[in-house]
N, C-alpha and C. Protein backbone atom coordinates (compact mmCIF):
# COMPACT_ATOMS: atom_id res chain seq x y z
N UNK A 1 92.88 8.02 -11.45
CA UNK A 1 91.67 8.78 -11.30
C UNK A 1 91.78 10.05 -12.14
N UNK A 2 90.70 10.36 -12.82
CA UNK A 2 90.63 11.60 -13.60
C UNK A 2 89.43 12.40 -13.13
N UNK A 3 89.61 13.72 -13.09
CA UNK A 3 88.54 14.60 -12.61
C UNK A 3 88.42 15.78 -13.56
N UNK A 4 87.18 16.10 -13.94
CA UNK A 4 86.89 17.23 -14.81
C UNK A 4 85.69 17.98 -14.24
N UNK A 5 85.60 19.25 -14.57
CA UNK A 5 84.39 20.01 -14.25
C UNK A 5 83.85 20.51 -15.58
N UNK A 6 82.96 19.72 -16.20
CA UNK A 6 82.48 20.06 -17.54
C UNK A 6 81.49 21.23 -17.57
N UNK A 7 80.82 21.50 -16.45
CA UNK A 7 79.79 22.54 -16.50
C UNK A 7 79.47 23.09 -15.11
N UNK A 8 78.70 24.15 -15.11
CA UNK A 8 78.19 24.74 -13.88
C UNK A 8 76.82 25.30 -14.18
N UNK A 9 76.07 25.55 -13.12
CA UNK A 9 74.74 26.13 -13.31
C UNK A 9 74.43 27.03 -12.11
N UNK A 10 73.52 27.96 -12.35
CA UNK A 10 73.12 28.87 -11.29
C UNK A 10 71.88 28.30 -10.62
N UNK A 11 71.88 28.27 -9.30
CA UNK A 11 70.78 27.68 -8.53
C UNK A 11 70.06 28.80 -7.78
N UNK A 12 68.76 28.91 -7.99
CA UNK A 12 67.95 29.89 -7.26
C UNK A 12 67.54 29.28 -5.94
N UNK A 13 67.39 30.12 -4.92
CA UNK A 13 66.99 29.63 -3.61
C UNK A 13 66.11 30.67 -2.93
N UNK A 14 65.04 30.21 -2.28
CA UNK A 14 64.16 31.11 -1.54
C UNK A 14 64.79 31.50 -0.20
N UNK A 15 65.61 30.62 0.35
CA UNK A 15 66.18 30.85 1.68
C UNK A 15 67.41 31.74 1.67
N UNK A 16 68.14 31.77 0.56
CA UNK A 16 69.37 32.54 0.49
C UNK A 16 69.55 33.07 -0.93
N UNK A 17 70.59 33.89 -1.12
CA UNK A 17 70.90 34.36 -2.47
C UNK A 17 71.20 33.17 -3.36
N UNK A 18 71.02 33.34 -4.65
CA UNK A 18 71.36 32.27 -5.59
C UNK A 18 72.84 31.95 -5.53
N UNK A 19 73.19 30.79 -6.01
CA UNK A 19 74.59 30.37 -5.97
C UNK A 19 74.89 29.49 -7.19
N UNK A 20 76.18 29.28 -7.42
CA UNK A 20 76.63 28.48 -8.55
C UNK A 20 76.99 27.08 -8.07
N UNK A 21 76.56 26.08 -8.84
CA UNK A 21 76.88 24.68 -8.55
C UNK A 21 77.76 24.16 -9.68
N UNK A 22 78.88 23.56 -9.32
CA UNK A 22 79.81 23.02 -10.30
C UNK A 22 79.61 21.51 -10.40
N UNK A 23 79.49 21.02 -11.62
CA UNK A 23 79.30 19.59 -11.86
C UNK A 23 80.67 18.95 -12.08
N UNK A 24 81.04 18.04 -11.17
CA UNK A 24 82.36 17.38 -11.23
C UNK A 24 82.17 15.98 -11.80
N UNK A 25 82.94 15.67 -12.82
CA UNK A 25 82.92 14.33 -13.43
C UNK A 25 84.14 13.57 -12.91
N UNK A 26 83.91 12.41 -12.30
CA UNK A 26 84.98 11.60 -11.74
C UNK A 26 85.06 10.29 -12.51
N UNK A 27 86.22 10.01 -13.10
CA UNK A 27 86.46 8.76 -13.83
C UNK A 27 87.47 7.95 -13.03
N UNK A 28 87.04 6.73 -12.65
CA UNK A 28 87.94 5.90 -11.88
C UNK A 28 87.66 4.43 -12.17
N UNK A 29 88.72 3.69 -12.48
CA UNK A 29 88.61 2.25 -12.77
C UNK A 29 87.54 1.97 -13.83
N UNK A 30 87.49 2.80 -14.85
CA UNK A 30 86.55 2.59 -15.94
C UNK A 30 85.11 3.00 -15.62
N UNK A 31 84.90 3.58 -14.45
CA UNK A 31 83.56 4.02 -14.06
C UNK A 31 83.51 5.53 -13.96
N UNK A 32 82.35 6.09 -14.28
CA UNK A 32 82.17 7.53 -14.24
C UNK A 32 80.99 7.87 -13.33
N UNK A 33 81.16 8.88 -12.50
CA UNK A 33 80.03 9.41 -11.75
C UNK A 33 80.19 10.92 -11.62
N UNK A 34 79.10 11.57 -11.26
CA UNK A 34 79.10 13.02 -11.15
C UNK A 34 78.78 13.44 -9.72
N UNK A 35 79.40 14.55 -9.32
CA UNK A 35 79.17 15.14 -8.00
C UNK A 35 78.95 16.62 -8.24
N UNK A 36 78.01 17.22 -7.53
CA UNK A 36 77.79 18.66 -7.65
C UNK A 36 78.21 19.33 -6.35
N UNK A 37 79.02 20.39 -6.48
CA UNK A 37 79.53 21.10 -5.30
C UNK A 37 79.49 22.61 -5.55
N UNK A 38 79.25 23.33 -4.46
CA UNK A 38 79.32 24.79 -4.49
C UNK A 38 80.77 25.21 -4.22
N UNK A 39 81.08 26.46 -4.55
CA UNK A 39 82.44 26.95 -4.30
C UNK A 39 82.77 26.87 -2.81
N UNK A 40 81.80 27.16 -1.96
CA UNK A 40 82.06 27.13 -0.51
C UNK A 40 82.53 25.75 -0.06
N UNK A 41 82.05 24.70 -0.71
CA UNK A 41 82.49 23.34 -0.38
C UNK A 41 83.94 23.11 -0.83
N UNK A 42 84.30 23.66 -2.00
CA UNK A 42 85.70 23.59 -2.46
C UNK A 42 86.60 24.33 -1.46
N UNK A 43 86.14 25.49 -1.02
CA UNK A 43 86.94 26.30 -0.10
C UNK A 43 87.14 25.57 1.23
N UNK A 44 86.07 24.93 1.74
CA UNK A 44 86.18 24.17 2.99
C UNK A 44 87.15 23.00 2.82
N UNK A 45 87.07 22.32 1.68
CA UNK A 45 88.00 21.23 1.39
C UNK A 45 89.44 21.74 1.40
N UNK A 46 89.65 22.86 0.73
CA UNK A 46 91.00 23.43 0.62
C UNK A 46 91.57 23.74 2.01
N UNK A 47 90.77 24.34 2.88
CA UNK A 47 91.23 24.67 4.23
C UNK A 47 91.65 23.42 4.99
N UNK A 48 90.90 22.33 4.84
CA UNK A 48 91.22 21.08 5.54
C UNK A 48 92.43 20.39 4.92
N UNK A 49 92.52 20.41 3.58
CA UNK A 49 93.65 19.76 2.91
C UNK A 49 94.98 20.45 3.25
N UNK A 50 94.94 21.78 3.40
CA UNK A 50 96.17 22.53 3.69
C UNK A 50 96.84 22.04 4.97
N UNK A 51 96.06 21.47 5.88
CA UNK A 51 96.61 21.02 7.16
C UNK A 51 97.43 19.74 7.04
N UNK A 52 97.20 18.97 5.95
CA UNK A 52 97.89 17.68 5.90
C UNK A 52 98.64 17.38 4.60
N UNK A 53 98.43 18.14 3.54
CA UNK A 53 99.18 17.93 2.30
C UNK A 53 99.52 19.29 1.68
N UNK A 54 100.43 19.24 0.73
CA UNK A 54 100.76 20.45 -0.04
C UNK A 54 99.64 20.65 -1.05
N UNK A 55 99.02 21.82 -1.00
CA UNK A 55 97.89 22.08 -1.90
C UNK A 55 98.24 23.16 -2.92
N UNK A 56 97.66 23.05 -4.11
CA UNK A 56 97.84 24.12 -5.10
C UNK A 56 96.97 25.33 -4.71
N UNK A 57 97.12 26.41 -5.44
CA UNK A 57 96.29 27.60 -5.21
C UNK A 57 94.85 27.30 -5.63
N UNK A 58 93.91 27.86 -4.89
CA UNK A 58 92.49 27.71 -5.23
C UNK A 58 92.04 29.06 -5.79
N UNK A 59 91.13 29.06 -6.76
CA UNK A 59 90.65 30.33 -7.31
C UNK A 59 90.08 31.25 -6.22
N UNK A 60 90.15 32.52 -6.45
CA UNK A 60 89.72 33.52 -5.49
C UNK A 60 88.28 33.30 -5.03
N UNK A 61 88.07 33.59 -3.75
CA UNK A 61 86.74 33.42 -3.16
C UNK A 61 85.80 34.55 -3.58
N UNK A 62 86.36 35.74 -3.78
CA UNK A 62 85.53 36.91 -4.06
C UNK A 62 85.50 37.22 -5.55
N UNK A 63 84.41 36.83 -6.19
CA UNK A 63 84.20 37.14 -7.60
C UNK A 63 82.75 37.53 -7.80
N UNK A 64 82.46 38.11 -8.93
CA UNK A 64 81.07 38.43 -9.28
C UNK A 64 80.43 37.19 -9.86
N UNK A 65 79.61 36.54 -9.07
CA UNK A 65 79.03 35.25 -9.45
C UNK A 65 78.13 35.31 -10.68
N UNK A 66 77.66 36.45 -11.05
CA UNK A 66 76.70 36.51 -12.14
C UNK A 66 77.35 36.77 -13.51
N UNK A 67 78.65 36.96 -13.56
CA UNK A 67 79.33 37.22 -14.84
C UNK A 67 79.81 35.88 -15.43
N UNK A 68 79.23 35.47 -16.58
CA UNK A 68 79.57 34.16 -17.16
C UNK A 68 81.07 33.95 -17.42
N UNK A 69 81.76 34.97 -17.88
CA UNK A 69 83.19 34.83 -18.17
C UNK A 69 83.97 34.54 -16.89
N UNK A 70 83.60 35.22 -15.81
CA UNK A 70 84.27 35.01 -14.52
C UNK A 70 83.96 33.61 -13.99
N UNK A 71 82.71 33.18 -14.13
CA UNK A 71 82.34 31.84 -13.69
C UNK A 71 83.08 30.76 -14.48
N UNK A 72 83.27 30.99 -15.76
CA UNK A 72 84.02 30.03 -16.58
C UNK A 72 85.48 29.97 -16.12
N UNK A 73 86.05 31.11 -15.78
CA UNK A 73 87.43 31.11 -15.26
C UNK A 73 87.50 30.36 -13.93
N UNK A 74 86.48 30.54 -13.09
CA UNK A 74 86.45 29.84 -11.81
C UNK A 74 86.31 28.34 -12.05
N UNK A 75 85.47 27.95 -12.99
CA UNK A 75 85.29 26.53 -13.33
C UNK A 75 86.63 25.91 -13.74
N UNK A 76 87.33 26.60 -14.63
CA UNK A 76 88.64 26.11 -15.09
C UNK A 76 89.63 26.05 -13.93
N UNK A 77 89.61 27.06 -13.07
CA UNK A 77 90.52 27.09 -11.94
C UNK A 77 90.26 25.96 -10.95
N UNK A 78 88.98 25.68 -10.68
CA UNK A 78 88.63 24.59 -9.77
C UNK A 78 88.99 23.23 -10.36
N UNK A 79 88.80 23.09 -11.67
CA UNK A 79 89.18 21.85 -12.35
C UNK A 79 90.69 21.64 -12.26
N UNK A 80 91.45 22.69 -12.50
CA UNK A 80 92.91 22.62 -12.40
C UNK A 80 93.33 22.30 -10.97
N UNK A 81 92.63 22.88 -9.99
CA UNK A 81 92.92 22.62 -8.58
C UNK A 81 92.77 21.14 -8.26
N UNK A 82 91.63 20.56 -8.62
CA UNK A 82 91.39 19.13 -8.33
C UNK A 82 92.42 18.25 -9.03
N UNK A 83 92.71 18.56 -10.29
CA UNK A 83 93.68 17.77 -11.04
C UNK A 83 95.08 17.88 -10.43
N UNK A 84 95.43 19.06 -9.93
CA UNK A 84 96.75 19.25 -9.32
C UNK A 84 96.86 18.48 -8.00
N UNK A 85 95.79 18.46 -7.22
CA UNK A 85 95.82 17.67 -5.97
C UNK A 85 96.08 16.21 -6.29
N UNK A 86 95.42 15.69 -7.32
CA UNK A 86 95.59 14.29 -7.71
C UNK A 86 97.01 14.05 -8.22
N UNK A 87 97.49 14.96 -9.06
CA UNK A 87 98.80 14.80 -9.69
C UNK A 87 99.95 14.91 -8.68
N UNK A 88 99.84 15.83 -7.74
CA UNK A 88 100.93 16.12 -6.82
C UNK A 88 100.98 15.20 -5.59
N UNK A 89 99.97 14.37 -5.42
CA UNK A 89 99.91 13.51 -4.23
C UNK A 89 99.78 12.06 -4.63
N UNK A 90 100.79 11.29 -4.24
CA UNK A 90 100.78 9.86 -4.56
C UNK A 90 99.60 9.16 -3.89
N UNK A 91 99.35 9.54 -2.64
CA UNK A 91 98.25 8.96 -1.88
C UNK A 91 97.26 10.07 -1.56
N UNK A 92 96.02 9.88 -1.95
CA UNK A 92 95.01 10.91 -1.76
C UNK A 92 94.36 10.79 -0.39
N UNK A 93 94.22 11.91 0.32
CA UNK A 93 93.59 11.87 1.65
C UNK A 93 92.13 11.44 1.58
N UNK A 94 91.68 10.82 2.63
CA UNK A 94 90.31 10.33 2.70
C UNK A 94 89.30 11.47 2.51
N UNK A 95 89.58 12.64 3.08
CA UNK A 95 88.62 13.73 2.95
C UNK A 95 88.50 14.20 1.50
N UNK A 96 89.57 14.08 0.72
CA UNK A 96 89.50 14.42 -0.71
C UNK A 96 88.64 13.39 -1.44
N UNK A 97 88.83 12.12 -1.11
CA UNK A 97 88.03 11.06 -1.73
C UNK A 97 86.56 11.18 -1.32
N UNK A 98 86.32 11.54 -0.07
CA UNK A 98 84.94 11.76 0.39
C UNK A 98 84.29 12.90 -0.39
N UNK A 99 85.04 13.95 -0.62
CA UNK A 99 84.55 15.12 -1.36
C UNK A 99 84.07 14.71 -2.75
N UNK A 100 84.81 13.79 -3.37
CA UNK A 100 84.47 13.32 -4.72
C UNK A 100 83.56 12.10 -4.70
N UNK A 101 83.11 11.68 -3.53
CA UNK A 101 82.26 10.49 -3.37
C UNK A 101 82.92 9.23 -3.94
N UNK A 102 84.21 9.10 -3.71
CA UNK A 102 84.95 7.91 -4.13
C UNK A 102 85.07 7.01 -2.91
N UNK A 103 84.56 5.79 -3.02
CA UNK A 103 84.51 4.89 -1.87
C UNK A 103 85.34 3.63 -2.04
N UNK A 104 85.77 3.29 -3.23
CA UNK A 104 86.35 1.97 -3.48
C UNK A 104 87.85 1.99 -3.57
N UNK A 105 88.50 2.62 -2.60
CA UNK A 105 89.96 2.60 -2.56
C UNK A 105 90.40 1.92 -1.28
N UNK A 106 91.54 1.25 -1.28
CA UNK A 106 92.04 0.68 -0.04
C UNK A 106 92.38 1.81 0.93
N UNK A 107 92.50 1.47 2.19
CA UNK A 107 92.83 2.46 3.21
C UNK A 107 94.20 3.06 2.89
N UNK A 108 94.28 4.36 2.89
CA UNK A 108 95.51 5.04 2.55
C UNK A 108 96.14 5.63 3.81
N UNK A 109 97.47 5.53 3.95
CA UNK A 109 98.12 6.07 5.15
C UNK A 109 97.80 7.54 5.39
N UNK A 110 97.84 8.38 4.35
CA UNK A 110 97.56 9.79 4.53
C UNK A 110 96.10 10.03 4.90
N UNK A 111 95.23 9.13 4.51
CA UNK A 111 93.82 9.30 4.84
C UNK A 111 93.63 9.28 6.35
N UNK A 112 94.42 8.47 7.03
CA UNK A 112 94.32 8.38 8.49
C UNK A 112 94.73 9.71 9.12
N UNK A 113 95.81 10.33 8.62
CA UNK A 113 96.33 11.53 9.26
C UNK A 113 95.49 12.76 8.96
N UNK A 114 94.71 12.75 7.89
CA UNK A 114 93.93 13.93 7.52
C UNK A 114 92.54 13.93 8.14
N UNK A 115 92.09 12.80 8.61
CA UNK A 115 90.75 12.75 9.17
C UNK A 115 89.70 12.64 8.08
N UNK A 116 88.49 12.96 8.45
CA UNK A 116 87.36 12.80 7.55
C UNK A 116 86.84 14.15 7.13
N UNK A 117 86.20 14.22 5.97
CA UNK A 117 85.61 15.46 5.49
C UNK A 117 84.48 15.89 6.41
N UNK A 118 83.74 14.93 6.93
CA UNK A 118 82.65 15.22 7.85
C UNK A 118 83.20 15.17 9.26
N UNK A 119 83.45 16.34 9.86
CA UNK A 119 84.11 16.37 11.15
C UNK A 119 83.24 15.88 12.29
N UNK A 120 81.94 15.74 12.08
CA UNK A 120 81.07 15.24 13.14
C UNK A 120 81.23 13.74 13.32
N UNK A 121 81.85 13.11 12.35
CA UNK A 121 82.05 11.67 12.39
C UNK A 121 83.12 11.35 13.43
N UNK A 122 82.92 10.33 14.22
CA UNK A 122 83.92 9.97 15.23
C UNK A 122 85.10 9.30 14.55
N UNK A 123 86.24 9.34 15.24
CA UNK A 123 87.45 8.74 14.68
C UNK A 123 87.27 7.24 14.50
N UNK A 124 86.56 6.62 15.44
CA UNK A 124 86.37 5.17 15.36
C UNK A 124 85.55 4.78 14.15
N UNK A 125 84.49 5.55 13.85
CA UNK A 125 83.63 5.17 12.73
C UNK A 125 84.27 5.49 11.39
N UNK A 126 85.29 6.38 11.37
CA UNK A 126 85.93 6.70 10.10
C UNK A 126 86.91 5.62 9.66
N UNK A 127 87.31 4.74 10.59
CA UNK A 127 88.21 3.65 10.23
C UNK A 127 87.37 2.44 9.84
N UNK A 128 87.40 2.14 8.58
CA UNK A 128 86.60 1.02 8.10
C UNK A 128 87.30 -0.28 8.40
N UNK A 129 86.54 -1.27 8.79
CA UNK A 129 87.12 -2.59 8.95
C UNK A 129 86.38 -3.51 7.98
N UNK A 130 87.13 -4.11 7.12
CA UNK A 130 86.55 -4.98 6.11
C UNK A 130 86.60 -6.41 6.59
N UNK A 131 85.45 -7.00 6.74
CA UNK A 131 85.35 -8.38 7.17
C UNK A 131 84.82 -9.21 6.02
N UNK A 132 85.33 -10.42 5.84
CA UNK A 132 84.80 -11.26 4.77
C UNK A 132 83.35 -11.62 5.06
N UNK A 133 82.55 -11.61 4.02
CA UNK A 133 81.15 -11.97 4.15
C UNK A 133 80.87 -13.13 3.21
N UNK A 134 80.30 -14.19 3.74
CA UNK A 134 79.98 -15.36 2.94
C UNK A 134 78.49 -15.65 3.07
N UNK A 135 77.92 -16.16 2.03
CA UNK A 135 76.52 -16.53 2.05
C UNK A 135 76.39 -17.93 1.48
N UNK A 136 75.83 -18.83 2.26
CA UNK A 136 75.54 -20.17 1.79
C UNK A 136 74.03 -20.32 1.75
N UNK A 137 73.54 -20.87 0.67
CA UNK A 137 72.10 -21.08 0.58
C UNK A 137 71.65 -22.18 1.53
N UNK A 138 72.51 -23.11 1.80
CA UNK A 138 72.25 -24.18 2.77
C UNK A 138 73.49 -24.38 3.61
N UNK A 139 73.33 -25.00 4.75
CA UNK A 139 74.47 -25.31 5.59
C UNK A 139 75.35 -26.32 4.86
N UNK A 140 76.60 -25.99 4.54
CA UNK A 140 77.46 -26.89 3.77
C UNK A 140 77.76 -28.21 4.48
N UNK A 141 77.65 -28.22 5.83
CA UNK A 141 77.91 -29.47 6.55
C UNK A 141 76.72 -30.42 6.51
N UNK A 142 75.53 -29.89 6.20
CA UNK A 142 74.33 -30.72 6.18
C UNK A 142 74.03 -31.22 4.77
N UNK A 143 74.67 -30.62 3.77
CA UNK A 143 74.40 -31.02 2.38
C UNK A 143 74.74 -32.50 2.16
N UNK A 144 73.89 -33.21 1.44
CA UNK A 144 74.26 -34.58 1.10
C UNK A 144 75.42 -34.57 0.11
N UNK A 145 76.29 -35.53 0.24
CA UNK A 145 77.45 -35.62 -0.65
C UNK A 145 76.96 -35.95 -2.05
N UNK A 146 77.24 -35.05 -3.02
CA UNK A 146 76.80 -35.25 -4.40
C UNK A 146 77.62 -36.34 -5.07
N UNK A 147 78.83 -36.50 -4.62
CA UNK A 147 79.69 -37.54 -5.19
C UNK A 147 80.67 -37.98 -4.10
N UNK A 148 81.54 -38.88 -4.47
CA UNK A 148 82.54 -39.34 -3.51
C UNK A 148 83.65 -38.32 -3.29
N UNK A 149 83.75 -37.31 -4.21
CA UNK A 149 84.78 -36.29 -4.09
C UNK A 149 84.30 -35.17 -3.16
N UNK A 150 85.13 -34.76 -2.21
CA UNK A 150 84.73 -33.67 -1.31
C UNK A 150 84.74 -32.32 -2.06
N UNK A 151 83.93 -31.38 -1.60
CA UNK A 151 83.93 -30.05 -2.19
C UNK A 151 85.09 -29.27 -1.58
N UNK A 152 86.19 -29.24 -2.29
CA UNK A 152 87.43 -28.65 -1.80
C UNK A 152 87.28 -27.15 -1.57
N UNK A 153 86.53 -26.48 -2.40
CA UNK A 153 86.37 -25.03 -2.28
C UNK A 153 85.66 -24.69 -0.97
N UNK A 154 84.52 -25.33 -0.73
CA UNK A 154 83.77 -25.05 0.50
C UNK A 154 84.60 -25.43 1.72
N UNK A 155 85.26 -26.58 1.67
CA UNK A 155 86.09 -26.99 2.81
C UNK A 155 87.22 -25.99 3.06
N UNK A 156 87.83 -25.51 2.00
CA UNK A 156 88.94 -24.55 2.14
C UNK A 156 88.47 -23.22 2.71
N UNK A 157 87.33 -22.73 2.23
CA UNK A 157 86.80 -21.45 2.73
C UNK A 157 86.42 -21.58 4.20
N UNK A 158 85.70 -22.63 4.53
CA UNK A 158 85.28 -22.83 5.92
C UNK A 158 86.49 -23.01 6.84
N UNK A 159 87.47 -23.74 6.37
CA UNK A 159 88.69 -23.94 7.15
C UNK A 159 89.40 -22.60 7.40
N UNK A 160 89.49 -21.79 6.32
CA UNK A 160 90.16 -20.50 6.44
C UNK A 160 89.46 -19.54 7.39
N UNK A 161 88.13 -19.62 7.45
CA UNK A 161 87.38 -18.72 8.32
C UNK A 161 87.38 -19.19 9.76
N UNK A 162 87.06 -20.46 9.96
CA UNK A 162 86.86 -20.95 11.31
C UNK A 162 88.12 -21.53 11.97
N UNK A 163 89.09 -21.94 11.17
CA UNK A 163 90.31 -22.54 11.72
C UNK A 163 91.55 -21.99 11.03
N UNK A 164 91.74 -20.65 11.01
CA UNK A 164 92.88 -20.09 10.27
C UNK A 164 94.24 -20.47 10.87
N UNK A 165 94.27 -20.79 12.14
CA UNK A 165 95.54 -21.11 12.80
C UNK A 165 95.95 -22.56 12.61
N UNK A 166 95.05 -23.42 12.14
CA UNK A 166 95.34 -24.86 11.95
C UNK A 166 95.78 -25.08 10.50
N UNK A 167 96.85 -25.81 10.32
CA UNK A 167 97.35 -26.11 8.97
C UNK A 167 96.42 -27.09 8.28
N UNK A 168 96.17 -26.91 6.97
CA UNK A 168 95.32 -27.86 6.24
C UNK A 168 95.94 -29.25 6.17
N UNK A 169 95.07 -30.26 5.96
CA UNK A 169 95.54 -31.64 5.89
C UNK A 169 96.42 -31.88 4.70
């Protein structure tokens, strides 16, 4: 996995003071997607990660948000932070993957111990259970035999699902 923060932008808001949004580029398994996060979200992630893994330093929380040079330094610091978390940890916690909107990884042991980024989520719902899903356009047992040879693939799949404890013929 590779992570970069190529840019940031200032966001105006009627409800609160303006804020900076950092655009995170995530490259994984030949696919690229972008996530936008505020510094406060990075800071919340950092506080949660500190509880379960060794974390690098995060850029200072108190800076002048309107100075472009300072914002560029913060962008670089946040990019270095994300890259260091990836580099220093063999197994990435689930909350880190959630932060980057990465969903296609197998269950990781450290992910279980760190919990979820969304703390309102129950422990039971955070544990994914992957069940095989099959779709047949017609019932394979009702299909007329196209030839004298049995469909070994369909028979094998059905046998594996419905009779996994019985040895094949």
